[in-house]
């Protein structure tokens, strides 16, 4: 009989920058384009995007600063077993819509 413990891993989302889409590096751009597609955006390069790195993975979570509140972002991350670190949360509070 197997008797085990299931451990939930909380991933940490760390802000690596807030920039215009035109300035996003080639390795992160596919994540930005995917997010834009989900939001049915036609990207022109002038949109402001916050780039989060999900620590312990090779994934990035771009967030268009005009599309969600901090609370909405935290709920979305929580659904993916991730959470913002304190410094990222504080910085994003200044950039995301109210």
Foldseek 3Di string as FASTA:
>chain_A
DDDDDDDQAEWEWEWPDKDFLLPDDPLCNVLVVVVCVVVVHDHPRGFIWIWIDGPPDRDIHIDGQAPDALVVVQVVSVVVRYGYDPVRSVVSNVRHDD
